N, C-alpha and C. Protein backbone atom coordinates (compact mmCIF):
# COMPACT_ATOMS: atom_id res chain seq x y z
N MET A 1 -210.22 72.59 -14.62
CA MET A 1 -209.36 72.26 -14.05
C MET A 1 -208.02 71.14 -14.66
N CYS A 2 -207.12 70.81 -13.63
CA CYS A 2 -206.19 69.58 -14.05
C CYS A 2 -206.15 69.04 -13.82
N HIS A 3 -206.94 67.97 -14.34
CA HIS A 3 -207.37 66.54 -13.71
C HIS A 3 -205.97 65.28 -13.81
N ASN A 4 -205.74 64.47 -12.92
CA ASN A 4 -205.22 63.36 -13.24
C ASN A 4 -203.73 63.65 -13.70
N LYS A 5 -203.09 65.11 -13.48
CA LYS A 5 -202.45 66.02 -14.14
C LYS A 5 -201.01 66.13 -12.93
N ILE A 6 -200.04 66.40 -12.79
CA ILE A 6 -199.23 66.87 -12.17
C ILE A 6 -198.10 67.73 -13.23
N CYS A 7 -197.85 68.54 -12.76
CA CYS A 7 -197.33 69.88 -13.38
C CYS A 7 -195.92 70.67 -13.37
N TRP A 8 -194.72 70.62 -13.08
CA TRP A 8 -194.19 71.15 -12.47
C TRP A 8 -192.87 71.91 -13.86
N TYR A 9 -192.09 73.19 -12.65
CA TYR A 9 -191.42 73.61 -13.88
C TYR A 9 -189.57 73.38 -13.21
N HIS A 10 -188.90 72.70 -14.78
CA HIS A 10 -187.79 72.30 -14.33
C HIS A 10 -186.72 73.41 -15.72
N GLU A 11 -185.95 73.62 -14.83
CA GLU A 11 -185.27 75.10 -16.39
C GLU A 11 -186.16 75.82 -17.22
N THR A 12 -187.15 76.57 -16.19
CA THR A 12 -187.93 77.25 -17.29
C THR A 12 -189.10 76.40 -18.42
N LYS A 13 -188.82 75.57 -18.12
CA LYS A 13 -189.33 73.93 -18.99
C LYS A 13 -190.74 73.63 -18.26
N LEU A 14 -191.88 73.38 -18.56
CA LEU A 14 -192.85 73.57 -17.87
C LEU A 14 -193.43 71.82 -18.04
N CYS A 15 -193.51 70.92 -17.87
CA CYS A 15 -192.90 69.23 -17.30
C CYS A 15 -194.42 68.75 -16.92
N ILE A 16 -194.65 68.04 -17.89
CA ILE A 16 -195.56 66.85 -17.42
C ILE A 16 -196.04 65.84 -17.31
N ILE A 17 -197.01 65.47 -15.75
CA ILE A 17 -197.24 64.05 -16.04
C ILE A 17 -198.74 63.26 -16.28
N GLN A 18 -199.19 62.76 -17.02
CA GLN A 18 -200.33 62.63 -17.33
C GLN A 18 -200.81 61.17 -17.39
N SER A 19 -201.45 60.80 -17.00
CA SER A 19 -201.82 59.50 -17.20
C SER A 19 -200.67 58.58 -17.29
N GLY A 20 -199.01 58.70 -16.36
CA GLY A 20 -198.06 58.37 -16.39
C GLY A 20 -197.69 58.46 -17.45
N ASN A 21 -197.84 60.12 -18.86
CA ASN A 21 -196.61 59.56 -19.30
C ASN A 21 -195.68 61.33 -19.24
N LEU A 22 -194.71 61.74 -19.39
CA LEU A 22 -193.91 62.24 -19.00
C LEU A 22 -193.89 63.30 -20.21
N LYS A 23 -194.07 64.85 -20.28
CA LYS A 23 -194.04 65.84 -21.42
C LYS A 23 -193.21 66.37 -21.13
N ILE A 24 -192.15 66.63 -21.45
CA ILE A 24 -191.62 67.96 -21.19
C ILE A 24 -191.58 69.50 -21.62
N GLY A 25 -191.63 70.77 -22.12
CA GLY A 25 -192.02 71.45 -22.37
C GLY A 25 -193.64 71.86 -23.47
N ALA A 26 -194.46 71.10 -22.59
CA ALA A 26 -195.62 71.13 -23.12
C ALA A 26 -196.02 72.21 -22.28
N ASP A 27 -197.00 72.49 -23.26
CA ASP A 27 -197.85 73.81 -22.91
C ASP A 27 -199.71 73.00 -22.35
N CYS A 28 -199.62 73.80 -20.70
CA CYS A 28 -200.99 73.24 -20.34
C CYS A 28 -201.95 73.75 -20.82
N VAL A 29 -203.30 73.23 -20.85
CA VAL A 29 -204.18 72.96 -21.65
C VAL A 29 -205.30 74.97 -20.35
N GLU A 30 -204.61 74.71 -19.28
CA GLU A 30 -205.23 75.39 -18.81
C GLU A 30 -204.34 76.87 -18.47
N ARG A 31 -203.16 76.84 -18.13
CA ARG A 31 -202.67 78.24 -19.17
C ARG A 31 -203.33 79.11 -19.83
N GLU A 32 -203.77 77.78 -21.07
CA GLU A 32 -204.06 78.90 -22.64
C GLU A 32 -205.40 79.73 -22.03
N LYS A 33 -205.95 79.14 -21.44
CA LYS A 33 -207.20 79.69 -21.13
C LYS A 33 -207.42 80.83 -19.71
N GLY A 34 -206.15 80.76 -19.28
CA GLY A 34 -205.96 81.36 -18.20
C GLY A 34 -206.51 81.15 -16.98
N VAL A 35 -205.88 80.05 -16.19
CA VAL A 35 -207.10 79.56 -15.28
C VAL A 35 -205.20 79.23 -14.71
N PHE A 36 -204.57 79.46 -13.54
CA PHE A 36 -204.17 79.05 -12.91
C PHE A 36 -204.08 78.56 -11.52
N MET A 37 -203.18 77.14 -11.68
CA MET A 37 -203.67 76.11 -10.30
C MET A 37 -202.15 77.15 -9.75
N PRO A 38 -202.41 76.75 -8.30
CA PRO A 38 -201.47 76.87 -7.33
C PRO A 38 -200.26 76.91 -7.44
N ILE A 39 -199.40 76.89 -7.15
CA ILE A 39 -197.87 76.28 -7.49
C ILE A 39 -197.22 76.16 -5.87
N TYR A 40 -196.48 74.69 -5.61
CA TYR A 40 -196.33 74.58 -4.58
C TYR A 40 -194.92 74.15 -4.85
N GLU A 41 -194.09 74.15 -3.21
CA GLU A 41 -192.92 74.05 -3.14
C GLU A 41 -192.61 72.59 -2.74
N TYR A 42 -191.78 71.87 -3.25
CA TYR A 42 -191.50 70.72 -2.14
C TYR A 42 -190.39 70.38 -2.27
N GLU A 43 -189.53 69.43 -1.38
CA GLU A 43 -187.90 69.12 -1.31
C GLU A 43 -187.90 68.11 -1.23
N HIS A 44 -186.84 67.87 -2.01
CA HIS A 44 -185.99 66.63 -1.86
C HIS A 44 -185.39 66.02 0.06
N MET A 45 -185.83 64.58 0.19
CA MET A 45 -185.59 64.68 1.75
C MET A 45 -183.75 63.97 2.10
N ASP A 46 -183.82 63.13 0.80
CA ASP A 46 -182.53 62.33 0.45
C ASP A 46 -181.73 63.31 -0.78
N THR A 47 -181.07 62.81 -1.27
CA THR A 47 -180.26 63.68 -2.65
C THR A 47 -181.31 63.64 -3.39
N PRO A 48 -181.23 65.25 -3.97
CA PRO A 48 -181.78 65.44 -4.67
C PRO A 48 -181.61 64.99 -6.86
N CYS A 49 -182.77 65.25 -6.99
CA CYS A 49 -182.79 64.38 -8.80
C CYS A 49 -182.30 65.82 -9.41
N SER A 50 -182.34 65.82 -10.53
CA SER A 50 -182.26 66.90 -11.63
C SER A 50 -183.44 67.92 -11.62
N LEU A 51 -184.63 68.19 -10.62
CA LEU A 51 -184.84 68.71 -9.98
C LEU A 51 -184.69 69.88 -9.32
N GLY A 52 -183.50 69.43 -8.43
CA GLY A 52 -183.06 69.99 -7.37
C GLY A 52 -183.37 69.60 -6.07
N LYS A 53 -182.83 70.09 -5.74
CA LYS A 53 -183.19 69.90 -3.71
C LYS A 53 -184.70 70.77 -3.94
N VAL A 54 -184.54 71.30 -4.03
CA VAL A 54 -186.68 72.38 -4.08
C VAL A 54 -187.14 72.32 -5.16
N PHE A 55 -188.20 72.18 -5.61
CA PHE A 55 -188.80 71.75 -6.97
C PHE A 55 -190.05 73.00 -6.64
N GLU A 56 -190.49 73.25 -7.66
CA GLU A 56 -192.32 73.07 -7.74
C GLU A 56 -192.92 72.31 -8.73
N VAL A 57 -194.40 72.22 -7.79
CA VAL A 57 -195.33 72.03 -8.55
C VAL A 57 -196.70 72.10 -8.46
N GLU A 58 -197.33 72.48 -9.63
CA GLU A 58 -198.44 73.57 -10.26
C GLU A 58 -199.36 72.20 -9.55
N GLN A 59 -200.05 72.12 -8.49
CA GLN A 59 -200.95 71.20 -8.45
C GLN A 59 -202.93 71.91 -8.13
N SER A 60 -203.45 71.53 -7.98
CA SER A 60 -205.15 71.69 -7.66
C SER A 60 -205.07 72.06 -6.43
N ILE A 61 -205.49 73.00 -5.40
CA ILE A 61 -205.39 73.12 -4.20
C ILE A 61 -205.95 71.89 -3.34
N ASN A 62 -206.76 71.08 -3.92
CA ASN A 62 -207.56 70.03 -3.54
C ASN A 62 -207.06 68.78 -3.50
N ASP A 63 -206.25 69.22 -4.50
CA ASP A 63 -205.10 67.66 -3.93
C ASP A 63 -205.01 67.09 -2.80
N LYS A 64 -204.10 65.85 -2.66
CA LYS A 64 -203.26 65.67 -1.50
C LYS A 64 -201.64 66.04 -1.85
N PRO A 65 -200.89 66.09 -0.91
CA PRO A 65 -199.80 66.59 -0.93
C PRO A 65 -198.68 65.54 -1.61
N LEU A 66 -197.47 65.88 -2.34
CA LEU A 66 -197.04 64.40 -2.89
C LEU A 66 -196.21 63.48 -1.68
N LYS A 67 -195.97 62.49 -2.11
CA LYS A 67 -194.78 62.02 -0.88
C LYS A 67 -193.34 61.76 -1.64
N LYS A 68 -193.55 61.35 -2.98
CA LYS A 68 -192.23 60.99 -3.58
C LYS A 68 -192.34 61.48 -5.14
N CYS A 69 -190.90 62.09 -4.94
CA CYS A 69 -190.59 62.72 -6.37
C CYS A 69 -191.60 62.37 -8.02
N PRO A 70 -192.14 63.54 -8.61
CA PRO A 70 -192.90 62.82 -9.96
C PRO A 70 -191.88 62.32 -10.79
N GLN A 71 -190.21 62.76 -10.41
CA GLN A 71 -189.23 62.49 -11.84
C GLN A 71 -188.15 60.87 -10.95
N CYS A 72 -187.88 60.83 -9.53
CA CYS A 72 -186.82 59.90 -9.48
C CYS A 72 -187.96 59.08 -8.43
N VAL A 73 -189.31 59.99 -8.03
CA VAL A 73 -189.73 58.73 -6.85
C VAL A 73 -188.79 58.26 -5.49
N SER A 74 -188.00 59.23 -4.85
CA SER A 74 -187.44 59.64 -3.77
C SER A 74 -188.23 60.42 -2.85
N PRO A 75 -188.63 60.06 -1.09
CA PRO A 75 -189.50 60.77 -0.37
C PRO A 75 -188.85 62.60 -0.45
N ILE A 76 -190.16 63.17 -0.80
CA ILE A 76 -190.52 64.22 -0.42
C ILE A 76 -191.21 65.14 0.29
N LYS A 77 -190.94 66.09 0.90
CA LYS A 77 -191.92 66.94 1.56
C LYS A 77 -191.91 68.27 1.05
N LYS A 78 -193.69 68.58 1.26
CA LYS A 78 -193.85 70.12 1.04
C LYS A 78 -193.51 70.89 2.09
N ILE A 79 -193.21 71.70 1.67
CA ILE A 79 -192.77 72.88 2.63
C ILE A 79 -193.64 74.17 2.33
N ILE A 80 -193.74 74.85 3.01
CA ILE A 80 -194.07 76.21 3.51
C ILE A 80 -193.38 77.29 2.38
N SER A 81 -193.77 78.34 1.56
CA SER A 81 -193.39 78.92 0.96
C SER A 81 -194.21 80.19 1.13
N ARG A 82 -193.27 81.72 0.86
CA ARG A 82 -193.64 82.81 0.56
C ARG A 82 -194.52 83.29 -0.21
N ILE A 83 -195.86 83.91 -0.39
CA ILE A 83 -196.64 84.01 -1.40
C ILE A 83 -196.52 85.08 -2.19
N ASN A 84 -196.48 85.58 -3.13
CA ASN A 84 -196.74 86.86 -4.02
C ASN A 84 -198.01 86.68 -4.67
N ILE A 85 -198.49 87.97 -3.79
CA ILE A 85 -199.53 87.74 -4.63
C ILE A 85 -199.72 89.45 -5.48
N ALA A 86 -199.85 89.82 -6.22
CA ALA A 86 -199.47 90.83 -7.82
C ALA A 86 -200.94 91.58 -8.27
N CYS A 87 -201.48 92.44 -7.16
CA CYS A 87 -202.35 93.22 -7.77
C CYS A 87 -202.19 94.21 -7.77
N PRO A 88 -202.00 94.94 -8.83
CA PRO A 88 -201.47 97.07 -8.78
C PRO A 88 -202.76 97.75 -8.28
N LYS A 89 -202.89 98.45 -7.20
CA LYS A 89 -204.20 98.85 -7.09
C LYS A 89 -203.44 100.67 -7.19
N SER A 90 -204.88 101.99 -7.57
CA SER A 90 -204.24 102.74 -7.51
C SER A 90 -204.80 103.97 -6.03
N ASN A 91 -204.22 104.35 -5.97
CA ASN A 91 -204.15 104.55 -4.48
C ASN A 91 -205.97 105.04 -3.92
N SER A 92 -206.59 105.75 -5.31
CA SER A 92 -208.02 105.40 -4.69
C SER A 92 -208.66 104.04 -4.25
N ASP A 93 -207.43 103.43 -4.84
CA ASP A 93 -207.81 102.47 -4.65
C ASP A 93 -207.95 101.52 -3.24
N LEU A 94 -206.68 101.72 -2.65
CA LEU A 94 -205.92 101.51 -2.09
C LEU A 94 -207.18 102.63 -0.68
N ARG A 95 -207.14 103.88 -0.75
CA ARG A 95 -207.73 104.11 0.57
C ARG A 95 -208.89 103.71 0.76
N ASP A 96 -210.66 103.45 -0.87
CA ASP A 96 -211.25 102.78 -0.54
C ASP A 96 -210.81 101.28 0.27
N LEU A 97 -209.81 100.41 0.42
CA LEU A 97 -210.06 99.21 0.54
C LEU A 97 -209.77 99.28 2.11
N GLY A 98 -209.48 100.57 2.35
CA GLY A 98 -208.76 100.97 3.79
C GLY A 98 -207.21 101.11 4.27
N PHE A 99 -206.61 101.04 3.11
CA PHE A 99 -205.31 100.95 3.41
C PHE A 99 -204.67 102.47 3.56
N THR A 100 -203.77 102.74 4.08
CA THR A 100 -203.12 104.36 4.05
C THR A 100 -201.31 103.97 3.16
N LYS A 101 -201.01 104.81 2.22
CA LYS A 101 -199.93 104.95 1.93
C LYS A 101 -199.10 105.91 1.69
N LEU A 102 -197.64 105.74 2.41
CA LEU A 102 -197.22 106.92 2.93
C LEU A 102 -195.57 106.68 1.55
N VAL A 103 -195.76 107.90 0.97
CA VAL A 103 -194.45 107.84 0.27
C VAL A 103 -193.63 108.20 0.52
N ARG A 104 -191.97 108.39 0.71
CA ARG A 104 -190.96 109.29 1.08
C ARG A 104 -191.04 110.60 0.44
N ARG A 105 -191.19 111.55 0.30
CA ARG A 105 -190.71 113.18 -0.31
C ARG A 105 -189.24 113.25 0.23
N ASP A 106 -189.26 112.96 1.62
CA ASP A 106 -187.65 114.51 2.57
C ASP A 106 -187.66 113.24 3.37
N ASP A 107 -186.10 113.96 3.95
CA ASP A 107 -186.27 112.71 5.39
C ASP A 107 -186.57 113.30 6.36
N GLY A 108 -187.73 112.64 6.97
CA GLY A 108 -188.61 112.51 8.05
C GLY A 108 -189.97 113.40 6.69
N VAL A 109 -190.26 112.89 6.01
CA VAL A 109 -191.32 113.97 5.54
C VAL A 109 -192.33 112.75 4.27
N TYR A 110 -193.16 112.13 4.61
CA TYR A 110 -193.83 111.32 3.92
C TYR A 110 -195.26 112.34 3.67
N GLU A 111 -195.72 111.78 2.00
CA GLU A 111 -196.98 111.82 1.20
C GLU A 111 -197.48 110.84 1.79
N ASN A 112 -198.76 111.35 2.31
CA ASN A 112 -199.96 110.21 2.46
C ASN A 112 -201.24 110.39 1.57
N VAL A 113 -201.04 109.90 0.21
CA VAL A 113 -201.26 109.54 -1.00
C VAL A 113 -202.66 109.17 -1.12
N THR A 114 -203.17 109.11 0.06
CA THR A 114 -204.77 108.23 -0.07
C THR A 114 -205.24 109.05 1.62
N ALA A 115 -205.22 110.05 1.63
CA ALA A 115 -205.50 111.17 2.55
C ALA A 115 -206.98 111.28 2.48
N ARG A 116 -207.91 110.34 3.70
CA ARG A 116 -208.96 111.14 3.79
C ARG A 116 -209.17 112.00 4.32
N ASP A 117 -210.80 112.34 4.25
CA ASP A 117 -211.38 113.92 4.94
C ASP A 117 -210.86 114.39 6.17
N GLY A 118 -209.62 115.29 6.21
CA GLY A 118 -208.87 115.43 8.27
C GLY A 118 -208.13 115.28 8.03
N ASP A 119 -207.30 114.31 7.17
CA ASP A 119 -205.96 114.00 7.46
C ASP A 119 -204.97 114.76 6.57
N SER A 120 -203.78 114.91 7.80
CA SER A 120 -202.93 115.64 6.92
C SER A 120 -202.23 115.00 5.48
N ARG A 121 -202.16 115.74 4.20
CA ARG A 121 -201.54 115.93 3.60
C ARG A 121 -199.74 115.01 3.51
N TYR A 122 -199.17 115.68 4.86
CA TYR A 122 -197.64 115.38 4.55
C TYR A 122 -197.65 114.52 6.68
N MET A 123 -197.00 113.69 6.59
CA MET A 123 -196.72 112.84 8.18
C MET A 123 -195.49 113.84 8.52
N ARG A 124 -194.55 114.52 9.13
CA ARG A 124 -193.82 114.50 9.75
C ARG A 124 -193.20 113.78 10.99
N SER A 125 -191.84 113.81 10.46
CA SER A 125 -191.44 113.08 11.98
C SER A 125 -191.30 113.85 12.66
N GLY A 126 -191.57 113.57 14.33
CA GLY A 126 -191.69 114.39 15.28
C GLY A 126 -192.89 114.74 15.90
N LYS A 127 -193.68 114.53 14.93
CA LYS A 127 -194.99 115.69 14.78
C LYS A 127 -196.67 114.22 15.00
N PRO A 128 -196.74 114.45 15.94
CA PRO A 128 -197.80 113.28 16.10
C PRO A 128 -198.85 113.88 15.45
N GLU A 129 -199.62 115.07 15.81
CA GLU A 129 -200.03 115.32 15.35
C GLU A 129 -200.23 115.03 13.32
N THR A 130 -199.73 114.83 13.10
CA THR A 130 -199.89 114.85 11.47
C THR A 130 -199.64 113.38 10.84
N ILE A 131 -199.75 112.50 12.34
CA ILE A 131 -200.04 111.26 11.93
C ILE A 131 -201.74 110.34 10.95
N PRO A 132 -201.76 110.04 10.19
CA PRO A 132 -202.96 109.76 9.92
C PRO A 132 -203.90 109.14 10.80
N ASP A 133 -205.03 109.50 11.00
CA ASP A 133 -205.51 108.77 11.97
C ASP A 133 -206.35 107.21 11.58
N LEU A 134 -206.01 106.46 11.96
CA LEU A 134 -206.71 104.89 11.57
C LEU A 134 -207.66 104.53 12.38
N SER A 135 -208.44 105.15 13.12
CA SER A 135 -209.80 105.11 13.99
C SER A 135 -210.72 105.44 12.50
N LYS A 136 -210.12 106.13 11.14
CA LYS A 136 -210.73 106.27 10.49
C LYS A 136 -211.25 104.79 9.38
N THR A 137 -210.51 104.18 9.48
CA THR A 137 -210.90 102.69 8.92
C THR A 137 -210.09 101.33 9.66
N LEU A 138 -210.28 101.62 10.90
CA LEU A 138 -209.76 99.70 12.00
C LEU A 138 -211.78 100.62 12.51
N SER A 139 -211.24 99.55 12.93
CA SER A 139 -213.57 98.79 13.65
C SER A 139 -212.84 98.04 14.12
N ASP A 140 -213.93 97.77 15.73
CA ASP A 140 -213.74 95.97 15.85
C ASP A 140 -214.66 95.14 15.36
């Protein structure tokens, strides 16, 4: 883990403050090992510095939210961001996980590429009998 270290990105360069020393463009040791920490977004409460109004900070999930900007020490607040989890799955993986994937094939026609036994391969607009049976994947 990244201990006593604050990491953030500025103009695509990794910036690190460790034990009070600023390093710009350095490589984080954890990144080389393939260990990634969450990236949080912070917003300047007052006039932004060169990091911008909103900037990203890489820190452990166990670290307390920052109260001051690591560069200009003005007050900042942690903001809620959208997450992006990218984990490509095959159609059979999605089906095994209980998902249904519909791919548009024509106007009002969708192919159920994760069809289970008894499901229609194609779902057609206006034909409720072609809708996938969700009771096979949903439970209480």
